[in-house]
Amino acid sequence: MLILVQATRASKILEIGTSNGYSTLWLASVLPSCGRIYTVEVNPQKISEARLNFEKAGVSAKITQLAGDVSEVLEHLTERVDFIFLDADRKAYLSLAEPLFNTLEPGGLLVCDNAISHRDELADFTLWLNKQNNLKSALVPVGKGELLVYKAEVEVN
């Protein structure tokens, strides 16, 4: 995933599902100095744990933690991003699809984790993606599978 962040020259990242901040730390390690990660988590204990991990790693200045249900957080997020890492409740992805892709800049990339190991849970989301003319996706068999979704700058037929 780090290579994807670097290859897309991402400077604004949205992470859905912070947990203890492990992935956030890796993402922060390849961001430019002016880069920013917005990471969303609903569990207060995990938010606190992640905050401590960010402080210990010295990357807190690059990270904005957003607490709450992702659907509500997305309603108030005014910043557009060029990279989204999606690693949360897969059953909610379909209901989040439009707000997520409205937040993603044209030319941006969404990476959906565990796309092979949880293929059944992603079926409706994948069907929705395949119907969008401005989105192109590829399933990469790395780890438990990464679904890469590119948002075209213009509608692709």
N, C-alpha and C. Protein backbone atom coordinates (compact mmCIF):
# COMPACT_ATOMS: atom_id res chain seq x y z
N MET A 1 0.82 -1.18 0.00
CA MET A 1 0.00 0.00 0.00
C MET A 1 0.87 1.26 0.00
N LEU A 2 2.01 1.20 0.65
CA LEU A 2 2.87 2.38 0.72
C LEU A 2 3.34 2.80 -0.65
N ILE A 3 3.62 1.82 -1.50
CA ILE A 3 4.04 2.14 -2.87
C ILE A 3 2.91 2.86 -3.61
N LEU A 4 1.68 2.46 -3.35
CA LEU A 4 0.54 3.12 -3.99
C LEU A 4 0.41 4.58 -3.55
N VAL A 5 0.63 4.83 -2.28
CA VAL A 5 0.59 6.20 -1.77
C VAL A 5 1.66 7.03 -2.47
N GLN A 6 2.86 6.47 -2.55
CA GLN A 6 3.96 7.19 -3.19
C GLN A 6 3.72 7.36 -4.70
N ALA A 7 3.25 6.32 -5.36
CA ALA A 7 3.04 6.37 -6.81
C ALA A 7 1.96 7.38 -7.18
N THR A 8 0.95 7.53 -6.34
CA THR A 8 -0.12 8.49 -6.62
C THR A 8 0.22 9.89 -6.12
N ARG A 9 1.37 10.00 -5.44
CA ARG A 9 1.80 11.29 -4.86
C ARG A 9 0.74 11.86 -3.93
N ALA A 10 0.11 10.97 -3.21
CA ALA A 10 -0.95 11.37 -2.29
C ALA A 10 -0.39 12.27 -1.19
N SER A 11 -1.13 13.32 -0.90
CA SER A 11 -0.75 14.19 0.21
C SER A 11 -1.89 14.33 1.22
N LYS A 12 -3.09 13.93 0.83
CA LYS A 12 -4.23 13.95 1.74
C LYS A 12 -4.89 12.57 1.70
N ILE A 13 -4.87 11.90 2.85
CA ILE A 13 -5.37 10.53 2.94
C ILE A 13 -6.53 10.48 3.93
N LEU A 14 -7.53 9.70 3.57
CA LEU A 14 -8.63 9.39 4.48
C LEU A 14 -8.55 7.90 4.78
N GLU A 15 -8.47 7.58 6.06
CA GLU A 15 -8.45 6.19 6.49
C GLU A 15 -9.73 5.92 7.26
N ILE A 16 -10.45 4.90 6.85
CA ILE A 16 -11.68 4.51 7.53
C ILE A 16 -11.36 3.25 8.34
N GLY A 17 -11.34 3.39 9.65
CA GLY A 17 -11.01 2.29 10.54
C GLY A 17 -9.59 2.43 11.07
N THR A 18 -9.39 3.24 12.10
CA THR A 18 -8.06 3.49 12.65
C THR A 18 -7.54 2.30 13.44
N SER A 19 -8.40 1.69 14.23
CA SER A 19 -8.03 0.67 15.20
C SER A 19 -6.92 1.23 16.09
N ASN A 20 -5.79 0.54 16.24
CA ASN A 20 -4.72 1.04 17.11
C ASN A 20 -3.75 1.97 16.38
N GLY A 21 -4.00 2.23 15.10
CA GLY A 21 -3.18 3.17 14.36
C GLY A 21 -2.03 2.56 13.59
N TYR A 22 -1.94 1.25 13.52
CA TYR A 22 -0.82 0.59 12.85
C TYR A 22 -0.71 1.02 11.38
N SER A 23 -1.80 0.90 10.64
CA SER A 23 -1.77 1.30 9.22
C SER A 23 -1.54 2.80 9.08
N THR A 24 -2.10 3.57 10.00
CA THR A 24 -1.95 5.02 9.96
C THR A 24 -0.48 5.40 10.07
N LEU A 25 0.25 4.71 10.93
CA LEU A 25 1.68 4.98 11.10
C LEU A 25 2.45 4.72 9.80
N TRP A 26 2.11 3.63 9.12
CA TRP A 26 2.76 3.32 7.85
C TRP A 26 2.43 4.37 6.80
N LEU A 27 1.17 4.76 6.74
CA LEU A 27 0.76 5.78 5.78
C LEU A 27 1.49 7.10 6.06
N ALA A 28 1.59 7.47 7.32
CA ALA A 28 2.26 8.72 7.70
C ALA A 28 3.74 8.69 7.32
N SER A 29 4.34 7.50 7.33
CA SER A 29 5.77 7.39 7.05
C SER A 29 6.13 7.75 5.61
N VAL A 30 5.17 7.71 4.69
CA VAL A 30 5.48 8.02 3.29
C VAL A 30 4.83 9.31 2.81
N LEU A 31 4.13 9.99 3.69
CA LEU A 31 3.52 11.26 3.32
C LEU A 31 4.58 12.35 3.22
N PRO A 32 4.39 13.31 2.32
CA PRO A 32 5.29 14.46 2.31
C PRO A 32 5.12 15.25 3.61
N SER A 33 6.06 16.11 3.93
CA SER A 33 6.01 16.85 5.19
C SER A 33 4.74 17.68 5.34
N CYS A 34 4.18 18.13 4.23
CA CYS A 34 2.94 18.91 4.28
C CYS A 34 1.70 18.02 4.23
N GLY A 35 1.87 16.70 4.21
CA GLY A 35 0.76 15.77 4.07
C GLY A 35 -0.10 15.66 5.32
N ARG A 36 -1.29 15.10 5.15
CA ARG A 36 -2.25 14.98 6.23
C ARG A 36 -3.04 13.69 6.07
N ILE A 37 -3.26 13.01 7.19
CA ILE A 37 -4.13 11.84 7.23
C ILE A 37 -5.32 12.16 8.13
N TYR A 38 -6.51 11.92 7.62
CA TYR A 38 -7.74 12.00 8.40
C TYR A 38 -8.13 10.55 8.67
N THR A 39 -8.18 10.16 9.92
CA THR A 39 -8.48 8.78 10.24
C THR A 39 -9.71 8.70 11.14
N VAL A 40 -10.63 7.82 10.77
CA VAL A 40 -11.94 7.74 11.43
C VAL A 40 -12.04 6.45 12.24
N GLU A 41 -12.45 6.61 13.50
CA GLU A 41 -12.65 5.46 14.38
C GLU A 41 -13.82 5.77 15.31
N VAL A 42 -14.63 4.75 15.59
CA VAL A 42 -15.79 4.93 16.45
C VAL A 42 -15.51 4.50 17.88
N ASN A 43 -14.58 3.60 18.09
CA ASN A 43 -14.30 3.03 19.42
C ASN A 43 -13.38 3.95 20.23
N PRO A 44 -13.88 4.54 21.34
CA PRO A 44 -13.08 5.47 22.13
C PRO A 44 -11.77 4.88 22.65
N GLN A 45 -11.79 3.62 23.05
CA GLN A 45 -10.57 2.98 23.56
C GLN A 45 -9.51 2.90 22.45
N LYS A 46 -9.93 2.54 21.24
CA LYS A 46 -8.98 2.46 20.12
C LYS A 46 -8.47 3.84 19.73
N ILE A 47 -9.33 4.85 19.84
CA ILE A 47 -8.92 6.22 19.53
C ILE A 47 -7.79 6.64 20.47
N SER A 48 -7.95 6.36 21.76
CA SER A 48 -6.93 6.71 22.75
C SER A 48 -5.64 5.93 22.51
N GLU A 49 -5.77 4.65 22.25
CA GLU A 49 -4.59 3.81 21.98
C GLU A 49 -3.84 4.32 20.76
N ALA A 50 -4.57 4.64 19.71
CA ALA A 50 -3.95 5.15 18.48
C ALA A 50 -3.25 6.48 18.75
N ARG A 51 -3.90 7.36 19.49
CA ARG A 51 -3.31 8.67 19.80
C ARG A 51 -1.95 8.49 20.47
N LEU A 52 -1.87 7.57 21.45
CA LEU A 52 -0.60 7.30 22.13
C LEU A 52 0.45 6.78 21.15
N ASN A 53 0.03 5.90 20.25
CA ASN A 53 0.96 5.36 19.25
C ASN A 53 1.47 6.46 18.31
N PHE A 54 0.60 7.39 17.93
CA PHE A 54 1.00 8.49 17.06
C PHE A 54 2.00 9.40 17.77
N GLU A 55 1.74 9.67 19.05
CA GLU A 55 2.64 10.51 19.83
C GLU A 55 4.00 9.86 19.99
N LYS A 56 4.02 8.56 20.33
CA LYS A 56 5.29 7.83 20.48
C LYS A 56 6.10 7.83 19.20
N ALA A 57 5.41 7.73 18.06
CA ALA A 57 6.10 7.68 16.76
C ALA A 57 6.47 9.07 16.25
N GLY A 58 5.97 10.10 16.91
CA GLY A 58 6.29 11.47 16.51
C GLY A 58 5.63 11.93 15.22
N VAL A 59 4.45 11.38 14.91
CA VAL A 59 3.76 11.75 13.67
C VAL A 59 2.40 12.41 13.91
N SER A 60 2.11 12.77 15.13
CA SER A 60 0.81 13.36 15.46
C SER A 60 0.47 14.59 14.64
N ALA A 61 1.49 15.36 14.26
CA ALA A 61 1.25 16.60 13.51
C ALA A 61 0.66 16.32 12.12
N LYS A 62 0.84 15.12 11.60
CA LYS A 62 0.32 14.77 10.27
C LYS A 62 -1.06 14.13 10.32
N ILE A 63 -1.55 13.85 11.53
CA ILE A 63 -2.76 13.03 11.68
C ILE A 63 -3.88 13.80 12.37
N THR A 64 -5.05 13.76 11.77
CA THR A 64 -6.26 14.29 12.39
C THR A 64 -7.17 13.10 12.68
N GLN A 65 -7.41 12.86 13.96
CA GLN A 65 -8.31 11.78 14.35
C GLN A 65 -9.73 12.31 14.37
N LEU A 66 -10.61 11.56 13.71
CA LEU A 66 -12.02 11.92 13.65
C LEU A 66 -12.81 10.82 14.36
N ALA A 67 -13.46 11.18 15.45
CA ALA A 67 -14.17 10.21 16.28
C ALA A 67 -15.64 10.16 15.91
N GLY A 68 -16.14 8.94 15.77
CA GLY A 68 -17.57 8.77 15.53
C GLY A 68 -17.86 7.80 14.42
N ASP A 69 -19.15 7.64 14.17
CA ASP A 69 -19.62 6.78 13.09
C ASP A 69 -19.20 7.39 11.76
N VAL A 70 -18.63 6.59 10.90
CA VAL A 70 -18.06 7.11 9.65
C VAL A 70 -19.08 7.83 8.78
N SER A 71 -20.32 7.36 8.75
CA SER A 71 -21.32 8.03 7.91
C SER A 71 -21.57 9.45 8.40
N GLU A 72 -21.56 9.65 9.70
CA GLU A 72 -21.75 10.99 10.26
C GLU A 72 -20.49 11.85 10.07
N VAL A 73 -19.35 11.26 10.24
CA VAL A 73 -18.09 11.99 10.08
C VAL A 73 -17.95 12.47 8.64
N LEU A 74 -18.30 11.62 7.68
CA LEU A 74 -18.18 12.01 6.27
C LEU A 74 -19.07 13.20 5.92
N GLU A 75 -20.21 13.31 6.58
CA GLU A 75 -21.11 14.44 6.33
C GLU A 75 -20.47 15.77 6.68
N HIS A 76 -19.54 15.76 7.64
CA HIS A 76 -18.92 16.99 8.12
C HIS A 76 -17.49 17.19 7.60
N LEU A 77 -16.98 16.24 6.86
CA LEU A 77 -15.61 16.36 6.33
C LEU A 77 -15.66 17.23 5.07
N THR A 78 -15.04 18.38 5.14
CA THR A 78 -15.06 19.30 4.00
C THR A 78 -13.82 19.15 3.13
N GLU A 79 -12.80 18.54 3.66
CA GLU A 79 -11.54 18.34 2.93
C GLU A 79 -11.70 17.22 1.91
N ARG A 80 -11.23 17.44 0.69
CA ARG A 80 -11.19 16.36 -0.30
C ARG A 80 -9.82 15.70 -0.21
N VAL A 81 -9.77 14.42 -0.52
CA VAL A 81 -8.53 13.65 -0.38
C VAL A 81 -8.17 13.00 -1.71
N ASP A 82 -6.91 12.58 -1.81
CA ASP A 82 -6.49 11.91 -3.04
C ASP A 82 -6.20 10.42 -2.83
N PHE A 83 -6.41 9.93 -1.62
CA PHE A 83 -6.20 8.51 -1.33
C PHE A 83 -7.11 8.13 -0.16
N ILE A 84 -7.80 7.01 -0.30
CA ILE A 84 -8.64 6.49 0.78
C ILE A 84 -8.23 5.05 1.06
N PHE A 85 -8.01 4.77 2.35
CA PHE A 85 -7.76 3.40 2.78
C PHE A 85 -8.97 2.96 3.58
N LEU A 86 -9.65 1.95 3.08
CA LEU A 86 -10.91 1.47 3.63
C LEU A 86 -10.69 0.13 4.32
N ASP A 87 -10.79 0.14 5.66
CA ASP A 87 -10.54 -1.07 6.45
C ASP A 87 -11.42 -1.04 7.70
N ALA A 88 -12.72 -1.21 7.49
CA ALA A 88 -13.66 -1.14 8.61
C ALA A 88 -14.76 -2.17 8.40
N ASP A 89 -15.97 -1.84 8.80
CA ASP A 89 -17.12 -2.74 8.68
C ASP A 89 -17.52 -2.86 7.22
N ARG A 90 -17.13 -3.94 6.58
CA ARG A 90 -17.35 -4.12 5.14
C ARG A 90 -18.84 -4.11 4.76
N LYS A 91 -19.70 -4.48 5.68
CA LYS A 91 -21.14 -4.48 5.37
C LYS A 91 -21.66 -3.05 5.18
N ALA A 92 -20.93 -2.06 5.66
CA ALA A 92 -21.37 -0.67 5.54
C ALA A 92 -20.83 0.01 4.28
N TYR A 93 -19.93 -0.63 3.56
CA TYR A 93 -19.26 0.02 2.43
C TYR A 93 -20.23 0.51 1.36
N LEU A 94 -21.26 -0.26 1.07
CA LEU A 94 -22.20 0.16 0.03
C LEU A 94 -22.89 1.47 0.43
N SER A 95 -23.30 1.58 1.68
CA SER A 95 -23.96 2.81 2.12
C SER A 95 -22.99 3.99 2.18
N LEU A 96 -21.72 3.71 2.26
CA LEU A 96 -20.70 4.77 2.31
C LEU A 96 -20.15 5.13 0.93
N ALA A 97 -20.47 4.33 -0.07
CA ALA A 97 -19.84 4.47 -1.38
C ALA A 97 -19.93 5.89 -1.95
N GLU A 98 -21.11 6.43 -2.05
CA GLU A 98 -21.25 7.77 -2.65
C GLU A 98 -20.52 8.84 -1.85
N PRO A 99 -20.72 8.91 -0.51
CA PRO A 99 -19.96 9.92 0.24
C PRO A 99 -18.45 9.76 0.12
N LEU A 100 -17.97 8.51 0.09
CA LEU A 100 -16.54 8.29 -0.04
C LEU A 100 -16.01 8.80 -1.38
N PHE A 101 -16.69 8.44 -2.45
CA PHE A 101 -16.20 8.85 -3.77
C PHE A 101 -16.44 10.33 -4.04
N ASN A 102 -17.37 10.94 -3.33
CA ASN A 102 -17.52 12.40 -3.41
C ASN A 102 -16.36 13.11 -2.71
N THR A 103 -15.78 12.45 -1.72
CA THR A 103 -14.64 12.99 -0.97
C THR A 103 -13.34 12.79 -1.73
N LEU A 104 -13.29 11.78 -2.58
CA LEU A 104 -12.07 11.45 -3.33
C LEU A 104 -11.93 12.35 -4.54
N GLU A 105 -10.77 12.97 -4.65
CA GLU A 105 -10.47 13.82 -5.81
C GLU A 105 -10.45 13.00 -7.09
N PRO A 106 -10.85 13.58 -8.23
CA PRO A 106 -10.64 12.90 -9.51
C PRO A 106 -9.15 12.60 -9.67
N GLY A 107 -8.84 11.41 -10.14
CA GLY A 107 -7.45 10.97 -10.23
C GLY A 107 -6.98 10.28 -8.96
N GLY A 108 -7.88 10.18 -7.97
CA GLY A 108 -7.53 9.58 -6.69
C GLY A 108 -7.74 8.07 -6.68
N LEU A 109 -7.26 7.45 -5.61
CA LEU A 109 -7.31 5.99 -5.49
C LEU A 109 -7.91 5.60 -4.14
N LEU A 110 -8.83 4.64 -4.17
CA LEU A 110 -9.36 4.03 -2.96
C LEU A 110 -8.81 2.62 -2.89
N VAL A 111 -8.31 2.23 -1.73
CA VAL A 111 -7.81 0.88 -1.50
C VAL A 111 -8.67 0.25 -0.43
N CYS A 112 -9.29 -0.86 -0.79
CA CYS A 112 -10.16 -1.60 0.12
C CYS A 112 -9.43 -2.86 0.57
N ASP A 113 -9.17 -2.95 1.88
CA ASP A 113 -8.40 -4.06 2.44
C ASP A 113 -9.26 -5.32 2.59
N ASN A 114 -8.61 -6.46 2.62
CA ASN A 114 -9.26 -7.77 2.84
C ASN A 114 -10.32 -8.10 1.80
N ALA A 115 -10.06 -7.74 0.57
CA ALA A 115 -11.05 -7.89 -0.50
C ALA A 115 -11.20 -9.33 -1.00
N ILE A 116 -10.21 -10.17 -0.78
CA ILE A 116 -10.33 -11.57 -1.17
C ILE A 116 -10.86 -12.39 0.00
N SER A 117 -10.32 -12.17 1.18
CA SER A 117 -10.73 -12.94 2.35
C SER A 117 -12.18 -12.68 2.75
N HIS A 118 -12.70 -11.51 2.37
CA HIS A 118 -14.08 -11.15 2.72
C HIS A 118 -14.88 -10.78 1.47
N ARG A 119 -14.62 -11.49 0.41
CA ARG A 119 -15.25 -11.21 -0.89
C ARG A 119 -16.78 -11.17 -0.80
N ASP A 120 -17.37 -12.12 -0.06
CA ASP A 120 -18.84 -12.17 0.04
C ASP A 120 -19.40 -10.90 0.68
N GLU A 121 -18.73 -10.39 1.70
CA GLU A 121 -19.20 -9.17 2.37
C GLU A 121 -19.08 -7.95 1.47
N LEU A 122 -18.22 -8.01 0.46
CA LEU A 122 -18.00 -6.89 -0.45
C LEU A 122 -18.79 -7.01 -1.75
N ALA A 123 -19.57 -8.04 -1.90
CA ALA A 123 -20.25 -8.32 -3.17
C ALA A 123 -21.12 -7.15 -3.63
N ASP A 124 -21.97 -6.62 -2.77
CA ASP A 124 -22.85 -5.51 -3.17
C ASP A 124 -22.05 -4.25 -3.49
N PHE A 125 -21.02 -3.98 -2.70
CA PHE A 125 -20.15 -2.83 -2.94
C PHE A 125 -19.45 -2.97 -4.29
N THR A 126 -18.97 -4.16 -4.58
CA THR A 126 -18.28 -4.41 -5.85
C THR A 126 -19.23 -4.25 -7.03
N LEU A 127 -20.46 -4.74 -6.90
CA LEU A 127 -21.46 -4.56 -7.96
C LEU A 127 -21.72 -3.08 -8.21
N TRP A 128 -21.85 -2.30 -7.15
CA TRP A 128 -22.06 -0.86 -7.28
C TRP A 128 -20.88 -0.22 -8.01
N LEU A 129 -19.67 -0.59 -7.62
CA LEU A 129 -18.46 -0.03 -8.26
C LEU A 129 -18.48 -0.30 -9.77
N ASN A 130 -18.83 -1.51 -10.14
CA ASN A 130 -18.80 -1.91 -11.55
C ASN A 130 -19.82 -1.17 -12.39
N LYS A 131 -20.82 -0.55 -11.77
CA LYS A 131 -21.84 0.20 -12.50
C LYS A 131 -21.48 1.67 -12.68
N GLN A 132 -20.40 2.10 -12.05
CA GLN A 132 -20.01 3.52 -12.10
C GLN A 132 -19.08 3.75 -13.30
N ASN A 133 -19.44 4.69 -14.15
CA ASN A 133 -18.65 4.95 -15.35
C ASN A 133 -17.32 5.65 -15.08
N ASN A 134 -17.20 6.30 -13.94
CA ASN A 134 -15.97 7.03 -13.65
C ASN A 134 -15.03 6.27 -12.72
N LEU A 135 -15.36 5.02 -12.38
CA LEU A 135 -14.53 4.22 -11.49
C LEU A 135 -14.03 2.97 -12.20
N LYS A 136 -12.76 2.69 -12.02
CA LYS A 136 -12.17 1.46 -12.56
C LYS A 136 -11.50 0.73 -11.41
N SER A 137 -11.73 -0.58 -11.32
CA SER A 137 -11.18 -1.32 -10.19
C SER A 137 -10.38 -2.53 -10.64
N ALA A 138 -9.50 -2.96 -9.73
CA ALA A 138 -8.69 -4.16 -9.95
C ALA A 138 -8.48 -4.82 -8.60
N LEU A 139 -8.60 -6.13 -8.58
CA LEU A 139 -8.37 -6.90 -7.37
C LEU A 139 -6.95 -7.44 -7.41
N VAL A 140 -6.17 -7.09 -6.39
CA VAL A 140 -4.76 -7.49 -6.33
C VAL A 140 -4.61 -8.55 -5.25
N PRO A 141 -4.11 -9.75 -5.62
CA PRO A 141 -4.00 -10.85 -4.66
C PRO A 141 -2.75 -10.74 -3.78
N VAL A 142 -2.67 -9.69 -2.98
CA VAL A 142 -1.59 -9.49 -2.03
C VAL A 142 -2.19 -9.61 -0.64
N GLY A 143 -1.55 -10.37 0.24
CA GLY A 143 -2.10 -10.57 1.58
C GLY A 143 -3.49 -11.17 1.49
N LYS A 144 -4.46 -10.51 2.11
CA LYS A 144 -5.85 -10.98 2.07
C LYS A 144 -6.63 -10.31 0.96
N GLY A 145 -5.90 -9.65 0.05
CA GLY A 145 -6.51 -9.04 -1.12
C GLY A 145 -6.74 -7.55 -0.95
N GLU A 146 -6.37 -6.81 -1.97
CA GLU A 146 -6.57 -5.37 -2.00
C GLU A 146 -7.39 -5.03 -3.25
N LEU A 147 -8.50 -4.37 -3.05
CA LEU A 147 -9.31 -3.90 -4.16
C LEU A 147 -8.90 -2.45 -4.40
N LEU A 148 -8.36 -2.18 -5.58
CA LEU A 148 -7.93 -0.83 -5.94
C LEU A 148 -9.01 -0.21 -6.82
N VAL A 149 -9.43 1.00 -6.48
CA VAL A 149 -10.47 1.67 -7.25
C VAL A 149 -9.96 3.07 -7.62
N TYR A 150 -9.81 3.27 -8.90
CA TYR A 150 -9.33 4.55 -9.43
C TYR A 150 -10.52 5.39 -9.85
N LYS A 151 -10.53 6.64 -9.42
CA LYS A 151 -11.59 7.57 -9.82
C LYS A 151 -11.06 8.41 -10.99
N ALA A 152 -11.61 8.17 -12.16
CA ALA A 152 -11.15 8.86 -13.35
C ALA A 152 -11.44 10.35 -13.27
N GLU A 153 -10.61 11.12 -13.96
CA GLU A 153 -10.78 12.57 -13.96
C GLU A 153 -11.95 12.97 -14.85
N VAL A 154 -12.27 12.12 -15.81
CA VAL A 154 -13.44 12.30 -16.66
C VAL A 154 -14.16 10.97 -16.74
N GLU A 155 -15.42 10.98 -17.08
CA GLU A 155 -16.18 9.75 -17.16
C GLU A 155 -15.60 8.84 -18.23
N VAL A 156 -15.40 7.57 -17.85
CA VAL A 156 -14.81 6.57 -18.74
C VAL A 156 -15.93 5.62 -19.18
N ASN A 157 -16.00 5.34 -20.47
CA ASN A 157 -17.02 4.40 -20.96
C ASN A 157 -16.43 3.07 -21.30
